[in-house]
Amino acid sequence: LSTQREVESLLTPQPPQTFQKDDLLLTYPGSWTDLSRETCEQINQPELGLECLLAIGHPSGDGTNINLIRLSLGFELTPESADELMWASFESSTSDVDLESRDIVEIDGQQAVRRVFSVPSSKASDGRAHILLVYLVNGPSVYQFTGWTPSADALSQHRSEIEEIIAGAHFGAIP
C-alpha cells in the first residue's frame, strides 16, 4: 500500500517551488527535492563571503543536483573576469578537468558564462562527474549555478531541465 502511495505521489503533478533571497528569485519544478539543509552546511564559508543559497536534487534520484552559491565580493567584476578568476581557482584545486565547452549565455538580461566539463568522481557511475556550471555577476556578487550529474548520459538526459531552471533566475525587484 505504501508503494502505491509513493507511485501516486510521483505521478501527481506538483506545483513549482519558489526560492527567494535578497534580490534573487528562482522557480524550479516541485518534483525536485530541496537538499539545502544537508548540502549547504558543507559549502558555506561566511568568513570568505561564500554562501550556499540552494541545493536541489532531481526527482529521478540518480544523484543529479543543482547547487546555487553566492560569492560576495567588495567590488564588481565583469562576467568574463569572474569566469577567469573562478575557473582558475577551480582548476588549481581539481585535477584532470576535461572542458567540453565554454560559451556566453544570457540570464535575466545579463551576460553569464557557461562551462560544461567532467572531473573524476567516486560518486559518479562512470568515474567522472559531468557538470554544467554557470557564472553570473550581479553587483558585487558572483552567482555560481552548478548542475552536477553522475554520468554523461545523465547530463544528456537532464541538461535541458537544468538549463531551464538556471535560465529562470530573476534578479532585481521581486514581483
Foldseek 3Di string as FASTA:
>chain_A
DVVVVVVVVVVDFDCWDWFDDDFKIFIAGPLKAWPCVVPQVVFDDVVQQKGWRTKTHDNVPQGKIKTKIKRFAPFFDAQVVVCVVVVVVVPVVAPDKAWDDWDWDDAQNHIKIWTWIWGADPSAPVRIKTWIWIWTTDGRMIMIMITIGRDPVVCVVCVVSSVVRRSHMHGDDDD
